[in-house]
Amino acid sequence: MIGLRHYSRGGRDELEAFGMIEKDWSKEEVLEKMMLDWPFNQVVMLQHTVGAMLCLPSLLGYGDVKWASSLACMGVLSEVGWEIESVFEFGYIR
């Protein structure tokens, strides 16, 4: 079980440090939170991967400079947009 492995490797401390759980939560409550957040975390990883891949042609000097720069700008805007949304989301949660 992924949540149990993450829990035993300090996942509880990580969630407490980010203010996502309280100190008095039981192990079962923390594991449930981890399992409910798992799909969202997969989408986050996918989004960051796509954003990074859009920057690769510019970093590697592949193809036309205008085309590669346009893709890099799209990747950067995608990342910045995601992070702005994330700041508002965490602000709302807290």
PDB file of N, CA and C in Angstrom:
ATOM      1  N   MET A   1       0.837  -1.175   0.000  1.00  0.00           N
ATOM      2  CA  MET A   1       0.000   0.000   0.000  1.00  0.00           C
ATOM      3  C   MET A   1       0.890   1.249   0.000  1.00  0.00           C
ATOM      4  N   ILE A   2       0.712   2.108  -0.976  1.00  0.00           N
ATOM      5  CA  ILE A   2       1.561   3.277  -1.162  1.00  0.00           C
ATOM      6  C   ILE A   2       1.492   4.208   0.042  1.00  0.00           C
ATOM      7  N   GLY A   3       0.309   4.473   0.541  1.00  0.00           N
ATOM      8  CA  GLY A   3       0.145   5.389   1.666  1.00  0.00           C
ATOM      9  C   GLY A   3       0.876   4.917   2.906  1.00  0.00           C
ATOM     10  N   LEU A   4       0.839   3.624   3.170  1.00  0.00           N
ATOM     11  CA  LEU A   4       1.508   3.070   4.342  1.00  0.00           C
ATOM     12  C   LEU A   4       3.020   3.221   4.226  1.00  0.00           C
ATOM     13  N   ARG A   5       3.571   2.986   3.035  1.00  0.00           N
ATOM     14  CA  ARG A   5       5.007   3.169   2.827  1.00  0.00           C
ATOM     15  C   ARG A   5       5.398   4.632   3.028  1.00  0.00           C
ATOM     16  N   HIS A   6       4.609   5.538   2.453  1.00  0.00           N
ATOM     17  CA  HIS A   6       4.907   6.960   2.591  1.00  0.00           C
ATOM     18  C   HIS A   6       4.774   7.392   4.049  1.00  0.00           C
ATOM     19  N   TYR A   7       3.782   6.859   4.738  1.00  0.00           N
ATOM     20  CA  TYR A   7       3.576   7.174   6.152  1.00  0.00           C
ATOM     21  C   TYR A   7       4.789   6.755   6.971  1.00  0.00           C
ATOM     22  N   SER A   8       5.286   5.544   6.726  1.00  0.00           N
ATOM     23  CA  SER A   8       6.406   5.026   7.503  1.00  0.00           C
ATOM     24  C   SER A   8       7.730   5.708   7.162  1.00  0.00           C
ATOM     25  N   ARG A   9       7.790   6.409   6.051  1.00  0.00           N
ATOM     26  CA  ARG A   9       9.013   7.123   5.645  1.00  0.00           C
ATOM     27  C   ARG A   9       8.936   8.616   5.959  1.00  0.00           C
ATOM     28  N   GLY A  10       8.070   9.000   6.870  1.00  0.00           N
ATOM     29  CA  GLY A  10       8.007  10.403   7.281  1.00  0.00           C
ATOM     30  C   GLY A  10       6.909  11.202   6.626  1.00  0.00           C
ATOM     31  N   GLY A  11       5.965  10.542   5.988  1.00  0.00           N
ATOM     32  CA  GLY A  11       4.874  11.256   5.323  1.00  0.00           C
ATOM     33  C   GLY A  11       4.014  12.049   6.282  1.00  0.00           C
ATOM     34  N   ARG A  12       3.818  11.518   7.490  1.00  0.00           N
ATOM     35  CA  ARG A  12       3.021  12.235   8.488  1.00  0.00           C
ATOM     36  C   ARG A  12       3.700  13.557   8.849  1.00  0.00           C
ATOM     37  N   ASP A  13       5.016  13.515   9.083  1.00  0.00           N
ATOM     38  CA  ASP A  13       5.753  14.735   9.423  1.00  0.00           C
ATOM     39  C   ASP A  13       5.685  15.751   8.290  1.00  0.00           C
ATOM     40  N   GLU A  14       5.754  15.265   7.074  1.00  0.00           N
ATOM     41  CA  GLU A  14       5.672  16.150   5.908  1.00  0.00           C
ATOM     42  C   GLU A  14       4.317  16.851   5.846  1.00  0.00           C
ATOM     43  N   LEU A  15       3.243  16.103   6.045  1.00  0.00           N
ATOM     44  CA  LEU A  15       1.909  16.697   6.017  1.00  0.00           C
ATOM     45  C   LEU A  15       1.709  17.681   7.166  1.00  0.00           C
ATOM     46  N   GLU A  16       2.247  17.371   8.333  1.00  0.00           N
ATOM     47  CA  GLU A  16       2.157  18.296   9.468  1.00  0.00           C
ATOM     48  C   GLU A  16       2.929  19.575   9.182  1.00  0.00           C
ATOM     49  N   ALA A  17       4.101  19.461   8.576  1.00  0.00           N
ATOM     50  CA  ALA A  17       4.917  20.633   8.276  1.00  0.00           C
ATOM     51  C   ALA A  17       4.221  21.570   7.297  1.00  0.00           C
ATOM     52  N   PHE A  18       3.470  21.011   6.346  1.00  0.00           N
ATOM     53  CA  PHE A  18       2.735  21.823   5.377  1.00  0.00           C
ATOM     54  C   PHE A  18       1.396  22.295   5.919  1.00  0.00           C
ATOM     55  N   GLY A  19       1.035  21.871   7.132  1.00  0.00           N
ATOM     56  CA  GLY A  19      -0.225  22.293   7.732  1.00  0.00           C
ATOM     57  C   GLY A  19      -1.441  21.613   7.135  1.00  0.00           C
ATOM     58  N   MET A  20      -1.245  20.447   6.531  1.00  0.00           N
ATOM     59  CA  MET A  20      -2.351  19.752   5.882  1.00  0.00           C
ATOM     60  C   MET A  20      -3.088  18.812   6.832  1.00  0.00           C
ATOM     61  N   ILE A  21      -2.449  18.469   7.964  1.00  0.00           N
ATOM     62  CA  ILE A  21      -3.099  17.649   8.985  1.00  0.00           C
ATOM     63  C   ILE A  21      -2.753  18.220  10.353  1.00  0.00           C
ATOM     64  N   GLU A  22      -3.522  17.805  11.350  1.00  0.00           N
ATOM     65  CA  GLU A  22      -3.267  18.218  12.729  1.00  0.00           C
ATOM     66  C   GLU A  22      -2.446  17.146  13.440  1.00  0.00           C
ATOM     67  N   LYS A  23      -1.776  17.528  14.509  1.00  0.00           N
ATOM     68  CA  LYS A  23      -0.943  16.586  15.267  1.00  0.00           C
ATOM     69  C   LYS A  23      -1.758  15.466  15.903  1.00  0.00           C
ATOM     70  N   ASP A  24      -3.018  15.741  16.231  1.00  0.00           N
ATOM     71  CA  ASP A  24      -3.819  14.746  16.949  1.00  0.00           C
ATOM     72  C   ASP A  24      -4.537  13.751  16.030  1.00  0.00           C
ATOM     73  N   TRP A  25      -4.250  13.785  14.732  1.00  0.00           N
ATOM     74  CA  TRP A  25      -4.878  12.836  13.809  1.00  0.00           C
ATOM     75  C   TRP A  25      -4.326  11.438  14.055  1.00  0.00           C
ATOM     76  N   SER A  26      -5.188  10.445  13.944  1.00  0.00           N
ATOM     77  CA  SER A  26      -4.744   9.061  14.094  1.00  0.00           C
ATOM     78  C   SER A  26      -4.055   8.595  12.804  1.00  0.00           C
ATOM     79  N   LYS A  27      -3.388   7.464  12.900  1.00  0.00           N
ATOM     80  CA  LYS A  27      -2.707   6.897  11.743  1.00  0.00           C
ATOM     81  C   LYS A  27      -3.698   6.611  10.624  1.00  0.00           C
ATOM     82  N   GLU A  28      -4.875   6.091  10.972  1.00  0.00           N
ATOM     83  CA  GLU A  28      -5.893   5.771   9.969  1.00  0.00           C
ATOM     84  C   GLU A  28      -6.391   7.029   9.264  1.00  0.00           C
ATOM     85  N   GLU A  29      -6.564   8.130  10.006  1.00  0.00           N
ATOM     86  CA  GLU A  29      -7.012   9.384   9.395  1.00  0.00           C
ATOM     87  C   GLU A  29      -5.957   9.930   8.430  1.00  0.00           C
ATOM     88  N   VAL A  30      -4.701   9.830   8.831  1.00  0.00           N
ATOM     89  CA  VAL A  30      -3.617  10.310   7.969  1.00  0.00           C
ATOM     90  C   VAL A  30      -3.533   9.466   6.694  1.00  0.00           C
ATOM     91  N   LEU A  31      -3.647   8.147   6.843  1.00  0.00           N
ATOM     92  CA  LEU A  31      -3.605   7.268   5.668  1.00  0.00           C
ATOM     93  C   LEU A  31      -4.781   7.537   4.738  1.00  0.00           C
ATOM     94  N   GLU A  32      -5.963   7.801   5.295  1.00  0.00           N
ATOM     95  CA  GLU A  32      -7.124   8.119   4.462  1.00  0.00           C
ATOM     96  C   GLU A  32      -6.882   9.409   3.687  1.00  0.00           C
ATOM     97  N   LYS A  33      -6.307  10.405   4.348  1.00  0.00           N
ATOM     98  CA  LYS A  33      -5.979  11.672   3.679  1.00  0.00           C
ATOM     99  C   LYS A  33      -4.987  11.434   2.538  1.00  0.00           C
ATOM    100  N   MET A  34      -3.981  10.594   2.791  1.00  0.00           N
ATOM    101  CA  MET A  34      -3.001  10.292   1.754  1.00  0.00           C
ATOM    102  C   MET A  34      -3.650   9.597   0.561  1.00  0.00           C
ATOM    103  N   MET A  35      -4.537   8.668   0.835  1.00  0.00           N
ATOM    104  CA  MET A  35      -5.198   7.931  -0.248  1.00  0.00           C
ATOM    105  C   MET A  35      -6.134   8.844  -1.044  1.00  0.00           C
ATOM    106  N   LEU A  36      -6.808   9.763  -0.367  1.00  0.00           N
ATOM    107  CA  LEU A  36      -7.703  10.683  -1.073  1.00  0.00           C
ATOM    108  C   LEU A  36      -6.924  11.693  -1.916  1.00  0.00           C
ATOM    109  N   ASP A  37      -5.721  12.047  -1.477  1.00  0.00           N
ATOM    110  CA  ASP A  37      -4.900  13.011  -2.211  1.00  0.00           C
ATOM    111  C   ASP A  37      -4.098  12.380  -3.350  1.00  0.00           C
ATOM    112  N   TRP A  38      -4.015  11.057  -3.397  1.00  0.00           N
ATOM    113  CA  TRP A  38      -3.186  10.382  -4.387  1.00  0.00           C
ATOM    114  C   TRP A  38      -3.547  10.746  -5.837  1.00  0.00           C
ATOM    115  N   PRO A  39      -4.828  10.733  -6.231  1.00  0.00           N
ATOM    116  CA  PRO A  39      -5.139  11.097  -7.630  1.00  0.00           C
ATOM    117  C   PRO A  39      -4.715  12.524  -7.974  1.00  0.00           C
ATOM    118  N   PHE A  40      -4.930  13.451  -7.044  1.00  0.00           N
ATOM    119  CA  PHE A  40      -4.523  14.834  -7.277  1.00  0.00           C
ATOM    120  C   PHE A  40      -3.013  14.918  -7.463  1.00  0.00           C
ATOM    121  N   ASN A  41      -2.263  14.196  -6.643  1.00  0.00           N
ATOM    122  CA  ASN A  41      -0.803  14.217  -6.757  1.00  0.00           C
ATOM    123  C   ASN A  41      -0.338  13.660  -8.097  1.00  0.00           C
ATOM    124  N   GLN A  42      -1.047  12.685  -8.630  1.00  0.00           N
ATOM    125  CA  GLN A  42      -0.694  12.148  -9.946  1.00  0.00           C
ATOM    126  C   GLN A  42      -0.905  13.197 -11.040  1.00  0.00           C
ATOM    127  N   VAL A  43      -1.976  13.965 -10.937  1.00  0.00           N
ATOM    128  CA  VAL A  43      -2.242  15.030 -11.906  1.00  0.00           C
ATOM    129  C   VAL A  43      -1.170  16.108 -11.795  1.00  0.00           C
ATOM    130  N   VAL A  44      -0.745  16.432 -10.582  1.00  0.00           N
ATOM    131  CA  VAL A  44       0.318  17.423 -10.386  1.00  0.00           C
ATOM    132  C   VAL A  44       1.593  16.958 -11.081  1.00  0.00           C
ATOM    133  N   MET A  45       1.957  15.706 -10.888  1.00  0.00           N
ATOM    134  CA  MET A  45       3.167  15.181 -11.521  1.00  0.00           C
ATOM    135  C   MET A  45       3.059  15.206 -13.042  1.00  0.00           C
ATOM    136  N   LEU A  46       1.896  14.861 -13.570  1.00  0.00           N
ATOM    137  CA  LEU A  46       1.683  14.893 -15.015  1.00  0.00           C
ATOM    138  C   LEU A  46       1.806  16.313 -15.550  1.00  0.00           C
ATOM    139  N   GLN A  47       1.213  17.269 -14.854  1.00  0.00           N
ATOM    140  CA  GLN A  47       1.259  18.655 -15.296  1.00  0.00           C
ATOM    141  C   GLN A  47       2.692  19.174 -15.301  1.00  0.00           C
ATOM    142  N   HIS A  48       3.447  18.885 -14.251  1.00  0.00           N
ATOM    143  CA  HIS A  48       4.837  19.341 -14.197  1.00  0.00           C
ATOM    144  C   HIS A  48       5.681  18.665 -15.273  1.00  0.00           C
ATOM    145  N   THR A  49       5.401  17.411 -15.560  1.00  0.00           N
ATOM    146  CA  THR A  49       6.132  16.701 -16.611  1.00  0.00           C
ATOM    147  C   THR A  49       5.863  17.326 -17.968  1.00  0.00           C
ATOM    148  N   VAL A  50       4.604  17.615 -18.258  1.00  0.00           N
ATOM    149  CA  VAL A  50       4.245  18.240 -19.540  1.00  0.00           C
ATOM    150  C   VAL A  50       4.876  19.624 -19.647  1.00  0.00           C
ATOM    151  N   GLY A  51       4.826  20.411 -18.574  1.00  0.00           N
ATOM    152  CA  GLY A  51       5.451  21.733 -18.588  1.00  0.00           C
ATOM    153  C   GLY A  51       6.945  21.655 -18.869  1.00  0.00           C
ATOM    154  N   ALA A  52       7.606  20.688 -18.251  1.00  0.00           N
ATOM    155  CA  ALA A  52       9.042  20.519 -18.471  1.00  0.00           C
ATOM    156  C   ALA A  52       9.327  20.051 -19.895  1.00  0.00           C
ATOM    157  N   MET A  53       8.512  19.145 -20.406  1.00  0.00           N
ATOM    158  CA  MET A  53       8.717  18.629 -21.770  1.00  0.00           C
ATOM    159  C   MET A  53       8.554  19.735 -22.813  1.00  0.00           C
ATOM    160  N   LEU A  54       7.656  20.685 -22.556  1.00  0.00           N
ATOM    161  CA  LEU A  54       7.482  21.798 -23.490  1.00  0.00           C
ATOM    162  C   LEU A  54       8.729  22.686 -23.548  1.00  0.00           C
ATOM    163  N   CYS A  55       9.518  22.694 -22.490  1.00  0.00           N
ATOM    164  CA  CYS A  55      10.747  23.502 -22.462  1.00  0.00           C
ATOM    165  C   CYS A  55      11.947  22.788 -23.082  1.00  0.00           C
ATOM    166  N   LEU A  56      11.868  21.492 -23.259  1.00  0.00           N
ATOM    167  CA  LEU A  56      13.023  20.731 -23.744  1.00  0.00           C
ATOM    168  C   LEU A  56      13.551  21.166 -25.110  1.00  0.00           C
ATOM    169  N   PRO A  57      12.695  21.401 -26.120  1.00  0.00           N
ATOM    170  CA  PRO A  57      13.263  21.808 -27.417  1.00  0.00           C
ATOM    171  C   PRO A  57      14.100  23.080 -27.325  1.00  0.00           C
ATOM    172  N   SER A  58      13.669  24.020 -26.507  1.00  0.00           N
ATOM    173  CA  SER A  58      14.441  25.252 -26.349  1.00  0.00           C
ATOM    174  C   SER A  58      15.752  24.989 -25.610  1.00  0.00           C
ATOM    175  N   LEU A  59      15.706  24.151 -24.586  1.00  0.00           N
ATOM    176  CA  LEU A  59      16.919  23.848 -23.824  1.00  0.00           C
ATOM    177  C   LEU A  59      17.938  23.077 -24.642  1.00  0.00           C
ATOM    178  N   LEU A  60      17.460  22.191 -25.511  1.00  0.00           N
ATOM    179  CA  LEU A  60      18.356  21.351 -26.307  1.00  0.00           C
ATOM    180  C   LEU A  60      18.735  21.971 -27.645  1.00  0.00           C
ATOM    181  N   GLY A  61      18.121  23.110 -27.980  1.00  0.00           N
ATOM    182  CA  GLY A  61      18.419  23.750 -29.250  1.00  0.00           C
ATOM    183  C   GLY A  61      17.869  22.989 -30.440  1.00  0.00           C
ATOM    184  N   TYR A  62      16.755  22.311 -30.254  1.00  0.00           N
ATOM    185  CA  TYR A  62      16.151  21.487 -31.305  1.00  0.00           C
ATOM    186  C   TYR A  62      15.150  22.310 -32.100  1.00  0.00           C
ATOM    187  N   GLY A  63      15.203  22.224 -33.415  1.00  0.00           N
ATOM    188  CA  GLY A  63      14.216  22.862 -34.286  1.00  0.00           C
ATOM    189  C   GLY A  63      14.409  24.356 -34.411  1.00  0.00           C
ATOM    190  N   ASP A  64      13.391  24.978 -34.960  1.00  0.00           N
ATOM    191  CA  ASP A  64      13.388  26.420 -35.177  1.00  0.00           C
ATOM    192  C   ASP A  64      13.368  27.154 -33.834  1.00  0.00           C
ATOM    193  N   VAL A  65      14.125  28.243 -33.742  1.00  0.00           N
ATOM    194  CA  VAL A  65      14.234  28.986 -32.486  1.00  0.00           C
ATOM    195  C   VAL A  65      12.882  29.571 -32.074  1.00  0.00           C
ATOM    196  N   LYS A  66      12.133  30.101 -33.051  1.00  0.00           N
ATOM    197  CA  LYS A  66      10.831  30.689 -32.723  1.00  0.00           C
ATOM    198  C   LYS A  66       9.866  29.631 -32.201  1.00  0.00           C
ATOM    199  N   TRP A  67       9.867  28.487 -32.843  1.00  0.00           N
ATOM    200  CA  TRP A  67       8.995  27.382 -32.430  1.00  0.00           C
ATOM    201  C   TRP A  67       9.372  26.883 -31.041  1.00  0.00           C
ATOM    202  N   ALA A  68      10.650  26.668 -30.817  1.00  0.00           N
ATOM    203  CA  ALA A  68      11.120  26.168 -29.520  1.00  0.00           C
ATOM    204  C   ALA A  68      10.855  27.188 -28.416  1.00  0.00           C
ATOM    205  N   SER A  69      11.060  28.466 -28.711  1.00  0.00           N
ATOM    206  CA  SER A  69      10.797  29.505 -27.711  1.00  0.00           C
ATOM    207  C   SER A  69       9.321  29.600 -27.381  1.00  0.00           C
ATOM    208  N   SER A  70       8.476  29.448 -28.377  1.00  0.00           N
ATOM    209  CA  SER A  70       7.027  29.472 -28.141  1.00  0.00           C
ATOM    210  C   SER A  70       6.596  28.318 -27.244  1.00  0.00           C
ATOM    211  N   LEU A  71       7.142  27.131 -27.482  1.00  0.00           N
ATOM    212  CA  LEU A  71       6.819  25.986 -26.627  1.00  0.00           C
ATOM    213  C   LEU A  71       7.319  26.214 -25.204  1.00  0.00           C
ATOM    214  N   ALA A  72       8.518  26.781 -25.077  1.00  0.00           N
ATOM    215  CA  ALA A  72       9.060  27.051 -23.737  1.00  0.00           C
ATOM    216  C   ALA A  72       8.198  28.067 -23.000  1.00  0.00           C
ATOM    217  N   CYS A  73       7.745  29.097 -23.707  1.00  0.00           N
ATOM    218  CA  CYS A  73       6.858  30.089 -23.082  1.00  0.00           C
ATOM    219  C   CYS A  73       5.554  29.441 -22.632  1.00  0.00           C
ATOM    220  N   MET A  74       5.021  28.540 -23.441  1.00  0.00           N
ATOM    221  CA  MET A  74       3.799  27.836 -23.063  1.00  0.00           C
ATOM    222  C   MET A  74       4.038  26.973 -21.818  1.00  0.00           C
ATOM    223  N   GLY A  75       5.185  26.305 -21.762  1.00  0.00           N
ATOM    224  CA  GLY A  75       5.513  25.491 -20.595  1.00  0.00           C
ATOM    225  C   GLY A  75       5.657  26.325 -19.334  1.00  0.00           C
ATOM    226  N   VAL A  76       6.331  27.465 -19.460  1.00  0.00           N
ATOM    227  CA  VAL A  76       6.516  28.346 -18.309  1.00  0.00           C
ATOM    228  C   VAL A  76       5.179  28.919 -17.855  1.00  0.00           C
ATOM    229  N   LEU A  77       4.345  29.356 -18.790  1.00  0.00           N
ATOM    230  CA  LEU A  77       3.031  29.889 -18.421  1.00  0.00           C
ATOM    231  C   LEU A  77       2.154  28.823 -17.773  1.00  0.00           C
ATOM    232  N   SER A  78       2.277  27.606 -18.256  1.00  0.00           N
ATOM    233  CA  SER A  78       1.528  26.506 -17.664  1.00  0.00           C
ATOM    234  C   SER A  78       1.952  26.289 -16.210  1.00  0.00           C
ATOM    235  N   GLU A  79       3.253  26.299 -15.967  1.00  0.00           N
ATOM    236  CA  GLU A  79       3.766  26.110 -14.606  1.00  0.00           C
ATOM    237  C   GLU A  79       3.363  27.271 -13.700  1.00  0.00           C
ATOM    238  N   VAL A  80       3.521  28.489 -14.183  1.00  0.00           N
ATOM    239  CA  VAL A  80       3.184  29.661 -13.370  1.00  0.00           C
ATOM    240  C   VAL A  80       1.689  29.666 -13.053  1.00  0.00           C
ATOM    241  N   GLY A  81       0.867  29.359 -14.044  1.00  0.00           N
ATOM    242  CA  GLY A  81      -0.582  29.306 -13.811  1.00  0.00           C
ATOM    243  C   GLY A  81      -0.950  28.262 -12.776  1.00  0.00           C
ATOM    244  N   TRP A  82      -0.316  27.109 -12.866  1.00  0.00           N
ATOM    245  CA  TRP A  82      -0.588  26.040 -11.893  1.00  0.00           C
ATOM    246  C   TRP A  82      -0.195  26.488 -10.495  1.00  0.00           C
ATOM    247  N   GLU A  83       0.968  27.115 -10.367  1.00  0.00           N
ATOM    248  CA  GLU A  83       1.450  27.524  -9.045  1.00  0.00           C
ATOM    249  C   GLU A  83       0.595  28.644  -8.457  1.00  0.00           C
ATOM    250  N   ILE A  84       0.130  29.579  -9.265  1.00  0.00           N
ATOM    251  CA  ILE A  84      -0.756  30.633  -8.768  1.00  0.00           C
ATOM    252  C   ILE A  84      -2.051  30.025  -8.252  1.00  0.00           C
ATOM    253  N   GLU A  85      -2.610  29.086  -9.008  1.00  0.00           N
ATOM    254  CA  GLU A  85      -3.833  28.406  -8.567  1.00  0.00           C
ATOM    255  C   GLU A  85      -3.582  27.648  -7.274  1.00  0.00           C
ATOM    256  N   SER A  86      -2.427  27.033  -7.158  1.00  0.00           N
ATOM    257  CA  SER A  86      -2.083  26.253  -5.966  1.00  0.00           C
ATOM    258  C   SER A  86      -1.961  27.157  -4.739  1.00  0.00           C
ATOM    259  N   VAL A  87      -1.372  28.343  -4.907  1.00  0.00           N
ATOM    260  CA  VAL A  87      -1.257  29.282  -3.792  1.00  0.00           C
ATOM    261  C   VAL A  87      -2.638  29.685  -3.302  1.00  0.00           C
ATOM    262  N   PHE A  88      -3.546  29.992  -4.218  1.00  0.00           N
ATOM    263  CA  PHE A  88      -4.905  30.359  -3.817  1.00  0.00           C
ATOM    264  C   PHE A  88      -5.618  29.187  -3.146  1.00  0.00           C
ATOM    265  N   GLU A  89      -5.416  27.986  -3.655  1.00  0.00           N
ATOM    266  CA  GLU A  89      -6.049  26.807  -3.070  1.00  0.00           C
ATOM    267  C   GLU A  89      -5.568  26.569  -1.631  1.00  0.00           C
ATOM    268  N   PHE A  90      -4.245  26.588  -1.437  1.00  0.00           N
ATOM    269  CA  PHE A  90      -3.713  26.379  -0.086  1.00  0.00           C
ATOM    270  C   PHE A  90      -4.105  27.512   0.848  1.00  0.00           C
ATOM    271  N   GLY A  91      -4.166  28.736   0.324  1.00  0.00           N
ATOM    272  CA  GLY A  91      -4.629  29.858   1.139  1.00  0.00           C
ATOM    273  C   GLY A  91      -6.072  29.679   1.577  1.00  0.00           C
ATOM    274  N   TYR A  92      -6.895  29.184   0.685  1.00  0.00           N
ATOM    275  CA  TYR A  92      -8.306  28.921   1.017  1.00  0.00           C
ATOM    276  C   TYR A  92      -8.426  27.802   2.042  1.00  0.00           C
ATOM    277  N   ILE A  93      -7.625  26.744   1.885  1.00  0.00           N
ATOM    278  CA  ILE A  93      -7.675  25.613   2.816  1.00  0.00           C
ATOM    279  C   ILE A  93      -7.260  26.045   4.213  1.00  0.00           C
ATOM    280  N   ARG A  94      -6.207  26.838   4.308  1.00  0.00           N
ATOM    281  CA  ARG A  94      -5.728  27.293   5.621  1.00  0.00           C
ATOM    282  C   ARG A  94      -6.670  28.293   6.200  1.00  0.00           C
TER     283      ARG A  94
END
